[in-house]
Structures are given as C-alpha cells and as structure tokens.
Protein backbone atom coordinates (compact mmCIF):
# COMPACT_ATOMS: atom_id res chain seq x y z
CA MET A 1 142.76 155.99 106.12
CA PHE A 2 139.39 157.28 107.33
CA ALA A 3 137.80 154.26 105.67
CA GLU A 4 140.12 152.02 107.65
CA LEU A 5 139.06 153.79 110.87
CA LEU A 6 135.40 153.23 110.03
CA LYS A 7 136.08 149.47 109.91
CA HIS A 8 137.36 149.75 113.52
CA PRO A 9 134.96 151.96 115.50
CA ARG A 10 136.91 151.63 118.75
CA ALA A 11 140.05 153.03 117.17
CA LEU A 12 137.98 155.85 115.62
CA MET A 13 136.52 156.66 119.03
CA VAL A 14 139.96 156.81 120.67
CA SER A 15 141.19 159.10 117.89
CA LEU A 16 138.22 161.48 118.25
CA VAL A 17 138.60 161.62 122.06
CA PHE A 18 142.32 162.31 121.65
CA HIS A 19 141.69 165.20 119.23
CA ALA A 20 138.89 166.56 121.37
CA LEU A 21 141.22 166.58 124.37
CA ILE A 22 143.85 168.49 122.44
CA ILE A 23 141.30 171.01 121.21
CA GLY A 24 139.95 171.44 124.77
CA LEU A 25 143.38 172.08 126.15
CA MET A 26 143.98 174.64 123.46
CA VAL A 27 140.70 176.40 124.28
CA ILE A 28 141.59 176.49 127.98
CA ASN A 29 145.03 177.91 127.19
CA PHE A 30 143.49 180.64 125.05
CA SER A 31 141.07 181.58 127.84
CA PHE A 32 143.88 182.25 130.33
CA ILE A 33 145.88 184.37 127.91
CA GLU A 34 145.18 188.03 128.39
CA LYS A 35 146.60 188.98 125.11
CA PRO A 36 147.11 186.92 122.13
CA LYS A 37 150.63 185.94 121.65
CA LEU A 38 152.20 185.34 118.40
CA ILE A 39 153.10 181.77 117.85
CA LYS A 40 156.38 181.32 116.30
CA THR A 41 156.73 179.31 113.16
CA GLY A 42 158.88 176.73 114.85
CA GLN A 43 156.43 176.11 117.65
CA LEU A 44 153.57 175.63 115.14
CA GLU A 45 155.56 173.10 113.21
CA LYS A 46 156.33 171.25 116.43
CA THR A 47 152.65 171.12 117.35
CA VAL A 48 151.68 169.87 113.92
CA LYS A 49 154.44 167.31 114.01
CA ALA A 50 153.31 166.14 117.43
CA GLU A 51 149.78 165.63 116.12
CA VAL A 52 151.11 163.75 113.09
CA VAL A 53 153.26 161.60 115.34
CA ASP A 54 150.30 160.84 117.59
CA GLN A 55 148.19 159.94 114.56
CA LYS A 56 150.87 157.62 113.26
CA GLN A 57 151.23 155.98 116.67
CA LEU A 58 147.45 155.51 116.79
CA GLU A 59 147.46 153.96 113.35
CA ALA A 60 150.40 151.74 114.33
CA LEU A 61 148.56 150.62 117.44
CA GLN A 62 145.45 149.98 115.35
CA ARG A 63 147.41 147.92 112.83
CA GLU A 64 149.08 145.99 115.65
CA LYS A 65 145.68 145.32 117.23
CA GLN A 66 144.27 144.17 113.88
CA ALA A 67 147.31 141.94 113.39
CA GLU A 68 146.83 140.53 116.92
CA GLU A 69 143.14 139.87 116.23
CA LYS A 70 144.02 138.22 112.91
CA ARG A 71 146.66 136.13 114.62
CA LYS A 72 144.13 135.07 117.25
CA ARG A 73 141.56 134.24 114.57
CA ASP A 74 144.15 132.27 112.60
CA ALA A 75 145.25 130.49 115.79
CA GLU A 76 141.62 129.74 116.69
CA LYS A 77 140.94 128.49 113.16
CA LYS A 78 144.10 126.41 113.23
CA LYS A 79 143.08 125.00 116.61
CA LYS A 80 139.58 124.17 115.31
CA ASP A 81 141.06 122.62 112.15
CA GLN A 82 143.42 120.54 114.29
CA GLN A 83 140.52 119.45 116.54
CA ALA A 84 138.37 118.64 113.49
CA LYS A 85 141.28 116.70 111.97
CA LYS A 86 141.85 114.94 115.27
CA ILE A 87 138.13 114.00 115.48
CA ALA A 88 138.12 112.90 111.82
CA ASP A 89 141.28 110.83 112.38
CA LYS A 90 139.70 109.31 115.48
CA LYS A 91 136.49 108.46 113.58
CA LYS A 92 138.53 107.06 110.72
CA LYS A 93 140.57 104.91 113.11
CA GLU A 94 137.38 103.75 114.85
CA ALA A 95 135.76 102.97 111.48
CA GLU A 96 138.88 101.10 110.37
CA LYS A 97 138.93 99.25 113.69
CA LYS A 98 135.23 98.43 113.32
CA ARG A 99 135.74 97.32 109.69
CA LYS A 100 138.65 95.06 110.70
CA ALA A 101 136.61 93.66 113.58
CA GLU A 102 133.70 93.04 111.21
CA GLU A 103 136.00 91.38 108.68
CA LYS A 104 137.48 89.29 111.46
CA LYS A 105 134.00 88.33 112.64
CA LYS A 106 132.95 87.44 109.09
CA ALA A 107 136.12 85.42 108.62
CA GLU A 108 135.49 83.58 111.89
CA LEU A 109 131.85 82.94 110.91
CA LYS A 110 132.98 81.73 107.49
CA LYS A 111 135.58 79.51 109.08
CA LYS A 112 133.02 78.23 111.59
CA LYS A 113 130.45 77.64 108.82
CA LYS A 114 133.05 75.82 106.73
CA ALA A 115 134.01 73.68 109.72
CA GLU A 116 130.33 72.96 110.40
CA GLN A 117 129.78 72.00 106.75
CA LYS A 118 132.83 69.76 106.91
CA ARG A 119 131.56 68.18 110.13
CA LYS A 120 128.11 67.62 108.61
CA LYS A 121 129.64 66.20 105.44
CA GLU A 122 131.83 63.82 107.46
CA ALA A 123 128.83 62.87 109.62
CA GLU A 124 126.73 62.26 106.50
CA GLN A 125 129.49 60.15 104.94
CA LYS A 126 129.81 58.23 108.20
CA ARG A 127 126.04 57.75 108.32
CA LYS A 128 125.97 56.54 104.73
CA LYS A 129 128.80 54.11 105.37
CA GLU A 130 127.05 52.85 108.50
CA ALA A 131 123.78 52.51 106.57
CA GLU A 132 125.58 50.66 103.75
CA ARG A 133 127.25 48.36 106.29
CA LYS A 134 123.94 47.67 108.00
CA ALA A 135 122.27 47.10 104.64
CA ALA A 136 125.04 44.68 103.66
CA ASP A 137 124.75 42.85 107.00
CA LYS A 138 120.99 42.72 106.63
CA ALA A 139 121.30 41.41 103.08
CA LYS A 140 123.68 38.69 104.28
CA ALA A 141 121.38 37.82 107.18
CA ASP A 142 118.37 37.75 104.83
CA GLU A 143 120.22 35.54 102.38
CA LYS A 144 121.25 33.17 105.18
CA ARG A 145 117.72 33.11 106.56
CA LYS A 146 116.29 32.45 103.10
CA ALA A 147 118.75 29.59 102.56
CA GLU A 148 117.86 28.06 105.95
CA LYS A 149 114.16 28.50 105.21
CA ALA A 150 114.58 26.86 101.79
CA ARG A 151 116.36 23.87 103.35
CA ALA A 152 113.69 23.57 106.03
CA GLU A 153 110.95 23.82 103.39
CA LYS A 154 112.62 21.17 101.25
CA LYS A 155 112.91 18.86 104.23
CA ARG A 156 109.28 19.49 105.19
CA GLN A 157 108.07 18.78 101.66
CA ALA A 158 110.04 15.53 101.55
CA GLU A 159 108.50 14.45 104.89
CA GLU A 160 105.03 15.42 103.73
CA LYS A 161 105.54 13.52 100.49
CA ARG A 162 106.58 10.39 102.40
CA LYS A 163 103.59 10.63 104.73
CA ALA A 164 101.27 11.32 101.80
CA GLU A 165 102.54 8.26 99.95
CA LYS A 166 102.04 6.08 103.01
CA LYS A 167 98.57 7.50 103.54
CA ARG A 168 97.71 7.01 99.85
CA LYS A 169 98.61 3.32 99.93
CA ALA A 170 96.59 2.78 103.10
CA GLU A 171 93.68 4.67 101.57
CA GLU A 172 93.85 2.59 98.40
CA LYS A 173 93.75 -0.61 100.45
CA ARG A 174 90.83 0.66 102.51
CA LYS A 175 88.94 1.79 99.41
CA ALA A 176 89.45 -1.59 97.73
CA GLU A 177 87.96 -3.32 100.76
CA GLU A 178 85.11 -0.90 100.97
CA LYS A 179 84.49 -1.26 97.26
CA ARG A 180 84.15 -4.99 97.59
CA LYS A 181 81.74 -4.67 100.49
CA ALA A 182 79.87 -1.93 98.70
CA GLU A 183 79.43 -4.03 95.58
CA VAL A 184 77.93 -6.82 97.68
CA ALA A 185 75.51 -4.48 99.38
CA LYS A 186 74.90 -2.49 96.24
CA ALA A 187 72.81 -5.08 94.49
CA ALA A 188 70.45 -5.47 97.43
CA GLU A 189 70.39 -1.75 98.01
CA GLU A 190 69.68 -1.03 94.38
CA LYS A 191 66.73 -3.36 94.39
CA ARG A 192 65.38 -1.79 97.58
CA LYS A 193 66.00 1.67 96.30
CA ALA A 194 64.34 0.95 92.99
CA GLU A 195 61.17 0.02 94.81
CA GLU A 196 61.38 2.94 97.15
CA ALA A 197 62.15 5.21 94.23
CA ARG A 198 59.09 4.07 92.38
CA ILE A 199 56.88 4.73 95.39
CA ALA A 200 58.63 8.02 96.13
CA GLU A 201 58.34 9.17 92.52
CA GLU A 202 54.62 8.56 92.52
CA LYS A 203 54.29 10.45 95.80
CA ARG A 204 56.58 13.25 94.54
CA LYS A 205 54.53 13.71 91.39
CA ALA A 206 51.36 13.97 93.41
CA ASP A 207 52.97 16.42 95.89
CA GLU A 208 54.49 18.45 93.04
CA ALA A 209 51.16 18.74 91.29
CA ARG A 210 49.51 19.86 94.52
CA ARG A 211 52.35 22.33 95.30
CA LEU A 212 52.25 23.84 91.82
CA ALA A 213 48.51 24.31 92.06
CA GLU A 214 48.84 25.99 95.47
CA GLU A 215 51.72 28.23 94.29
CA GLU A 216 49.82 29.25 91.18
CA GLN A 217 46.81 30.21 93.26
CA LYS A 218 49.01 32.12 95.73
CA ARG A 219 50.83 33.88 92.88
CA GLN A 220 47.59 34.98 91.29
CA GLU A 221 46.31 36.29 94.64
CA GLU A 222 49.58 38.17 95.27
CA GLU A 223 49.54 39.64 91.77
CA LEU A 224 46.01 40.82 92.31
CA GLN A 225 46.88 42.38 95.69
CA ALA A 226 50.01 44.02 94.25
CA LYS A 227 48.03 45.41 91.34
CA LEU A 228 45.43 46.80 93.72
CA ARG A 229 48.12 48.35 95.94
CA ALA A 230 49.92 49.79 92.91
CA GLU A 231 46.73 51.31 91.58
CA GLU A 232 45.90 52.75 94.99
CA ASN A 233 49.43 54.13 95.40
CA GLN A 234 49.35 55.58 91.89
CA ARG A 235 46.03 57.30 92.62
CA ARG A 236 47.53 58.67 95.83
CA LEU A 237 50.68 59.87 94.05
CA ASN A 238 48.64 61.38 91.23
CA LYS A 239 46.61 63.34 93.75
CA LEU A 240 49.75 64.42 95.67
CA ARG A 241 51.41 65.40 92.37
CA ALA A 242 48.38 67.39 91.33
CA ASP A 243 48.22 69.05 94.78
CA TYR A 244 52.01 69.70 94.60
CA THR A 245 51.78 71.32 91.15
CA LEU A 246 48.73 73.32 92.22
CA ALA A 247 50.51 74.58 95.37
CA ILE A 248 53.50 75.71 93.29
CA ARG A 249 51.29 77.39 90.68
CA GLN A 250 49.23 79.15 93.34
CA LYS A 251 52.33 80.41 95.18
CA VAL A 252 53.75 81.74 91.90
CA GLU A 253 50.44 83.43 91.08
CA ARG A 254 50.34 85.01 94.56
CA ASN A 255 53.80 86.52 93.90
CA TRP A 256 52.87 87.63 90.36
CA ARG A 257 52.31 91.30 89.65
CA LYS A 258 50.52 92.26 86.48
CA PRO A 259 52.87 94.37 84.34
CA ALA A 260 51.71 97.88 83.52
CA GLY A 261 50.18 98.31 80.09
CA SER A 262 49.99 94.60 79.47
CA GLY A 263 47.42 93.53 76.92
CA LYS A 264 46.47 89.96 76.31
CA MET A 265 47.83 87.57 78.96
CA PRO A 266 47.79 84.08 77.43
CA THR A 267 48.33 80.81 79.23
CA CYS A 268 52.05 79.98 79.36
CA GLU A 269 53.77 76.68 79.90
CA VAL A 270 56.39 77.37 82.61
CA LYS A 271 59.34 75.02 82.98
CA VAL A 272 61.22 75.20 86.27
CA VAL A 273 64.45 73.44 87.24
CA GLN A 274 64.62 73.20 91.02
CA GLY A 275 67.13 71.86 93.49
CA PRO A 276 66.71 70.26 96.91
CA GLY A 277 64.60 72.33 99.26
CA GLY A 278 62.75 74.09 96.41
CA ILE A 279 65.70 76.25 95.30
CA ILE A 280 65.12 77.73 91.81
CA LEU A 281 67.92 76.83 89.41
CA ASP A 282 66.40 77.91 86.08
CA VAL A 283 63.13 79.17 84.57
CA THR A 284 62.19 78.73 80.89
CA PHE A 285 58.99 78.76 78.86
CA GLY A 286 57.31 76.25 76.62
CA ALA A 287 54.19 77.10 74.67
CA CYS A 288 53.35 80.75 75.40
CA GLY A 289 51.81 81.99 72.14
CA GLY A 290 51.11 85.71 71.79
CA SER A 291 52.96 86.65 74.98
CA THR A 292 55.26 89.65 75.33
CA ALA A 293 58.77 89.69 76.82
CA THR A 294 57.48 91.89 79.66
CA TYR A 295 54.70 89.43 80.43
CA ARG A 296 57.13 86.47 80.46
CA ALA A 297 59.59 88.47 82.63
CA SER A 298 56.81 89.13 85.17
CA ILE A 299 56.07 85.39 85.34
CA GLU A 300 59.77 84.58 85.75
CA ASN A 301 60.09 87.15 88.58
CA ALA A 302 57.05 85.62 90.29
CA VAL A 303 58.65 82.15 90.11
CA TYR A 304 61.88 83.41 91.73
CA LYS A 305 59.89 85.29 94.40
CA ALA A 306 58.08 82.03 95.21
CA GLU A 307 61.42 80.45 96.24
CA PRO A 308 61.62 78.16 98.10
CA LEU A 309 58.89 76.21 96.30
CA PRO A 310 56.39 74.23 98.42
CA LYS A 311 57.47 70.75 99.53
CA PRO A 312 55.64 67.71 98.11
CA GLY A 313 53.46 65.56 100.33
CA ASP A 314 55.66 62.57 99.41
CA PRO A 315 59.36 62.72 98.39
CA ALA A 316 58.47 60.41 95.47
CA VAL A 317 56.42 63.25 93.94
CA PHE A 318 59.40 65.65 93.87
CA GLU A 319 60.38 66.57 90.32
CA ARG A 320 63.61 68.38 89.49
CA ASP A 321 62.22 69.38 86.09
CA LEU A 322 58.76 70.74 86.82
CA THR A 323 56.23 72.03 84.27
CA PHE A 324 52.94 73.82 85.03
CA LEU A 325 50.49 76.13 83.23
CA PHE A 326 50.39 79.77 84.30
CA ASN A 327 46.98 81.32 83.52
CA PRO A 328 46.26 84.57 85.41
CA ASN A 329 42.76 84.61 83.91
CA VAL A 330 41.74 81.51 85.91
CA GLN A 331 41.49 81.86 89.67
C-alpha cells in the first residue's frame, strides 16, 4: 500500500498531514492532563478503529481519484482517436473526391481527344475526297484540253501542208524559169569567168608567194624574239629561284642551334614540303651521310622555327616540294 502511495505523492502528503494532526492533538491533550489517566481498552480500540477507518477512506478517495484520472485520460484518448479518425475520414473523402475528379477530368480529356481525332480524321477524309474530286476534274479538263489541242494541231498541219504544196508548185515554176534564163547567161558568164579566173589565178599565185615569204620572215623574227624573251625570263627565274632557295637556307641556318657534343656535321640534303604562305607541312632528308639522329633533329627543328618560309620574288618560283643543301660549315 505504501508503494501505491509513493506513486501518488499528493495522497501521501494528505495522509502524512492527517496523521501529524492526530499526533499533535494527542500531544496537546497530554499536556493539559495533570495526571495520566488510564485509557480503557474499549476507548483504545475505538481510536485505532477510527484511524483504520480514516486510512481506508483515504485509500478509497485515492482510488476514486485515480479512477477519475484514468477515466479522463481514456476520455481524452477516445476524443483524440475520434478526432484523428474524423480527420483521416475527411482526408480519405477528399482524396476520393480528388481521385474521382481526376478520373472525370481524364475521361473528359480522353473523350475530347477522341472527338478531336474523329474530327481530324473526318476532315482528312473530306480533304482527300475533295483532292480526289479536284484531281479527277483536272484530269478531265486536261484530257479535254489535250483533245482540243490535238484537233487544232491537226487542222493547222493540214493548212500548212496545203500552203506548202501551193508554195512548192510556185517555187518549181519559178525555178524552171530561172534555170532557163541561167543556162542562157551561164555560157557567156562561164567564158567571162574563165578569163577572169585565169588572170585572177596568176595574180593569186603571185600574191600567195609574196604573202608566204612575208609570213615566213615574220615567223622567224617572232620565234627569235620569243626565244630571246624566254631565255631572259629563264635567267630571271633562275636567279629568283637561287635567291629564294638561298633565303630559305639562310633563315633555317639562322634558326639552327648546334647540338651539344656533336661531332662531324656533314652537308645534308633537306627536303621540305610547304603550303601556301610558307607553312611547313613535312621535313625529310635526302643524302646526309655520316650524320647523327641528333644532328638531323636539330636541322628539322631549325626548319620548323623558320616558319613561315620567305616568299619568292615571283609566284612562278614557288615550289611546294623544295630541296636545299644544309652545310653549317659554309657561311
């Protein structure tokens, strides 16, 4: 029972106060008694019974209070459960309402989409029928036009044939008359022409001989001038080519750095493939006897450092595949 009281400190406090009050009253009563009186056995039993009754009442009140608190807790829990259930039911109804609305919306959209597809299909069928009708009408019109054109062409050809026949007969008559007149004049004309031809032939032969002689002389003079110009141009190009190759070689040599520890440095034939503007595309070597890989690499680096290569004095001198001798021993 004491353990039960410890669970309820308020009830324990009331019990202690109650007992303290009883004890206090007893102390006060003893202080006013001059002489101790003997307590009868019956009175003692009554006092003890009263205390037992009070204790039982206190315990009954405590149990009633605990029961009331439990009832309140149960009622509160029940109320909360009912509220939670009510909220859950409300959410469920709202979700169901939302789901039905969504399904209804989807059904309406599906119905609308189906109707739209049907409308488009009907419109497409109508368009196709209209196009087929127009195509048929056009085909008929084209056929009719072709038939009319063929008739008109046939009529035109017949008219042209008639006119051509009439013109042919008139032309034949005219030609026969002209032929007769021509034959009369031909004999006299032939005789005159024969004489003129003889004279003209003699003159032509003399003129032809003179013309051929003049043309031959002119041709020889032009060939001589062309040869002189070609030789002069070739000398100029040779000089420009030599200057061009020298400029490239000198620029490469200026960018060349002698590799460390290099021994003999022979003359190497360097072959360069260049693009427009002197861009280096490739570098290879021809005759380069006795050279080392390091020596050839230094020459190749010098060629790439010389990019862009010098421009030629004349575009005709430009060479895509260029070859020059690299000799560091000759300055």
